[in-house]
Amino acid sequence: MDRRTVLKASLGAALALTLAKHAGAQTMDATSQSSFDTVMAFMGAMGGGDMDAMSALMADDMVWHNEGDATLPWIGESVGKEAIFAFLGVFSSNLQTTLWENTDAFAFGDTVAVFGKMNGMTTQSGQEIGEFSFALRAKVRNGQVVLWHWFEDSFAVSQAYHGR
């Protein structure tokens, strides 16, 4: 993947995050807004590769759970910062994200929901996945993310990963 593609995907993700942040800002109570801002900041840090900012926004007991095909090496649950950063290494060595666009995002209390579309290429097969939907349910406690529950079209991702 060339740098131009990575840059376009990163800029698109940043724009989507900015738009999502401002779209919800007028109608949330203070707790919901704080949770929303925390999750958007975490996404932004992740998209920008800022591991220090990510770590500061993660609770020590954070749970990251990916639903999907268990034959994919990044599916399952990771608990705690060390395990999550190890998971992210596995994920990033197996999937190169080429599109990330948040289409809807909202918060209620400590829970944030984000929906959108993604695309990527699996390094296992070199195959593009094709645009697919994702959903995220995140929880925030004391300004830190405690749950990152990720849902995606794991059939499409699995098909690309296994070269089918």
Protein backbone atom coordinates (compact mmCIF):
# COMPACT_ATOMS: atom_id res chain seq x y z
CA MET A 1 0.00 0.00 0.00
CA ASP A 2 1.42 3.39 -0.92
CA ARG A 3 1.66 6.36 1.41
CA ARG A 4 -0.95 8.32 -0.54
CA THR A 5 -3.59 5.64 0.16
CA VAL A 6 -2.66 5.55 3.85
CA LEU A 7 -2.77 9.35 4.03
CA LYS A 8 -6.18 9.52 2.32
CA ALA A 9 -7.60 6.87 4.66
CA SER A 10 -6.14 8.68 7.70
CA LEU A 11 -7.50 12.05 6.61
CA GLY A 12 -10.90 10.52 5.89
CA ALA A 13 -10.98 8.93 9.34
CA ALA A 14 -9.97 12.23 10.97
CA LEU A 15 -12.69 14.11 9.10
CA ALA A 16 -15.30 11.49 10.03
CA LEU A 17 -14.28 11.71 13.69
CA THR A 18 -14.45 15.50 13.66
CA LEU A 19 -17.87 15.52 12.01
CA ALA A 20 -19.20 12.86 14.38
CA LYS A 21 -17.94 14.78 17.38
CA HIS A 22 -19.66 17.99 16.35
CA ALA A 23 -22.87 16.28 15.21
CA GLY A 24 -23.68 15.00 18.70
CA ALA A 25 -22.43 17.94 20.70
CA GLN A 26 -25.72 19.85 20.94
CA THR A 27 -28.03 17.24 22.46
CA MET A 28 -26.12 15.26 25.12
CA ASP A 29 -26.00 15.67 28.87
CA ALA A 30 -22.58 16.21 30.47
CA THR A 31 -21.92 12.52 31.24
CA SER A 32 -22.90 11.43 27.73
CA GLN A 33 -20.80 14.19 26.14
CA SER A 34 -17.78 13.27 28.26
CA SER A 35 -18.12 9.60 27.30
CA PHE A 36 -18.54 10.53 23.64
CA ASP A 37 -15.49 12.81 23.69
CA THR A 38 -13.38 10.11 25.38
CA VAL A 39 -14.27 7.48 22.76
CA MET A 40 -13.69 9.91 19.86
CA ALA A 41 -10.33 10.92 21.35
CA PHE A 42 -9.41 7.23 21.68
CA MET A 43 -10.37 6.60 18.04
CA GLY A 44 -8.39 9.62 16.95
CA ALA A 45 -5.32 8.50 18.90
CA MET A 46 -5.63 5.00 17.45
CA GLY A 47 -6.03 6.34 13.89
CA GLY A 48 -3.02 8.58 14.39
CA GLY A 49 -0.87 5.85 15.92
CA ASP A 50 -0.48 7.80 19.19
CA MET A 51 0.03 4.92 21.63
CA ASP A 52 0.76 7.25 24.57
CA ALA A 53 -2.57 9.04 24.15
CA MET A 54 -4.33 5.69 23.70
CA SER A 55 -2.77 4.35 26.88
CA ALA A 56 -3.82 7.44 28.84
CA LEU A 57 -7.42 6.95 27.64
CA MET A 58 -7.50 3.23 28.54
CA ALA A 59 -8.52 1.92 31.96
CA ASP A 60 -6.01 -0.59 33.35
CA ASP A 61 -8.73 -3.25 33.25
CA MET A 62 -10.07 -2.32 29.80
CA VAL A 63 -11.65 -5.15 27.79
CA TRP A 64 -11.34 -5.23 24.00
CA HIS A 65 -13.64 -7.78 22.40
CA ASN A 66 -13.90 -8.51 18.68
CA GLU A 67 -16.80 -10.63 17.48
CA GLY A 68 -16.32 -12.85 14.46
CA ASP A 69 -14.64 -15.82 12.83
CA ALA A 70 -12.36 -17.42 15.44
CA THR A 71 -9.91 -18.51 12.69
CA LEU A 72 -8.85 -14.87 12.36
CA PRO A 73 -5.95 -14.14 14.73
CA TRP A 74 -7.44 -10.89 16.04
CA ILE A 75 -10.87 -12.23 17.01
CA GLY A 76 -11.66 -12.74 20.68
CA GLU A 77 -11.07 -10.88 23.91
CA SER A 78 -8.07 -9.03 25.31
CA VAL A 79 -8.05 -7.71 28.88
CA GLY A 80 -5.70 -5.02 30.16
CA LYS A 81 -3.44 -2.55 28.37
CA GLU A 82 -0.56 -4.95 27.74
CA ALA A 83 -2.82 -7.59 26.19
CA ILE A 84 -4.66 -4.97 24.11
CA PHE A 85 -1.45 -3.49 22.73
CA ALA A 86 -0.27 -7.03 21.87
CA PHE A 87 -3.61 -7.62 20.12
CA LEU A 88 -3.22 -4.37 18.17
CA GLY A 89 0.18 -5.57 16.96
CA VAL A 90 -1.39 -8.80 15.69
CA PHE A 91 -4.28 -6.91 14.12
CA SER A 92 -2.10 -4.33 12.36
CA SER A 93 0.24 -6.99 11.00
CA ASN A 94 -2.72 -8.84 9.47
CA LEU A 95 -5.00 -6.06 8.24
CA GLN A 96 -4.22 -2.76 6.58
CA THR A 97 -7.15 -0.38 6.91
CA THR A 98 -7.76 1.62 3.72
CA LEU A 99 -11.12 3.16 4.65
CA TRP A 100 -12.68 4.06 7.97
CA GLU A 101 -15.74 6.27 8.00
CA ASN A 102 -17.98 6.82 10.99
CA THR A 103 -21.53 7.33 9.71
CA ASP A 104 -23.41 7.55 13.02
CA ALA A 105 -22.30 8.00 16.60
CA PHE A 106 -24.12 8.77 19.82
CA ALA A 107 -23.79 8.40 23.57
CA PHE A 108 -26.08 7.85 26.51
CA GLY A 109 -24.46 8.03 29.93
CA ASP A 110 -21.32 5.88 29.96
CA THR A 111 -22.15 4.04 26.71
CA VAL A 112 -21.11 5.17 23.23
CA ALA A 113 -22.23 3.57 19.96
CA VAL A 114 -20.45 4.15 16.67
CA PHE A 115 -21.49 2.78 13.30
CA GLY A 116 -19.69 3.07 10.02
CA LYS A 117 -17.99 1.48 7.08
CA MET A 118 -14.51 0.19 6.51
CA ASN A 119 -12.32 -1.46 3.92
CA GLY A 120 -8.91 -3.01 4.12
CA MET A 121 -6.45 -5.50 2.79
CA THR A 122 -5.41 -8.67 4.55
CA THR A 123 -1.69 -9.37 4.56
CA GLN A 124 -2.35 -13.12 4.76
CA SER A 125 -3.79 -13.26 1.23
CA GLY A 126 -3.07 -9.77 -0.10
CA GLN A 127 -6.78 -9.59 -0.91
CA GLU A 128 -8.95 -6.52 -0.49
CA ILE A 129 -11.95 -7.13 1.75
CA GLY A 130 -14.40 -4.77 0.05
CA GLU A 131 -16.39 -2.14 1.87
CA PHE A 132 -18.15 -3.51 4.95
CA SER A 133 -20.10 -2.25 7.95
CA PHE A 134 -18.94 -2.05 11.55
CA ALA A 135 -20.54 -1.28 14.88
CA LEU A 136 -18.86 -0.41 18.16
CA ARG A 137 -20.24 -0.41 21.69
CA ALA A 138 -17.86 1.32 24.08
CA LYS A 139 -18.12 2.09 27.79
CA VAL A 140 -16.31 4.83 29.68
CA ARG A 141 -15.49 5.11 33.39
CA ASN A 142 -13.76 8.13 34.94
CA GLY A 143 -12.65 9.48 31.56
CA GLN A 144 -11.15 6.19 30.38
CA VAL A 145 -12.41 3.50 28.02
CA VAL A 146 -13.27 0.29 29.90
CA LEU A 147 -14.98 -1.64 27.09
CA TRP A 148 -14.40 -1.72 23.33
CA HIS A 149 -16.84 -4.23 21.86
CA TRP A 150 -16.33 -4.41 18.10
CA PHE A 151 -18.67 -5.94 15.52
CA GLU A 152 -17.88 -6.21 11.82
CA ASP A 153 -18.83 -8.20 8.75
CA SER A 154 -16.52 -11.02 9.73
CA PHE A 155 -17.71 -13.17 6.82
CA ALA A 156 -16.28 -10.70 4.28
CA VAL A 157 -13.12 -10.22 6.35
CA SER A 158 -12.68 -14.00 6.75
CA GLN A 159 -13.21 -14.61 3.04
CA ALA A 160 -10.48 -12.10 2.16
CA TYR A 161 -8.12 -13.34 4.87
CA HIS A 162 -8.42 -16.94 3.67
CA GLY A 163 -8.19 -15.90 -0.01
CA ARG A 164 -11.65 -17.16 -0.97
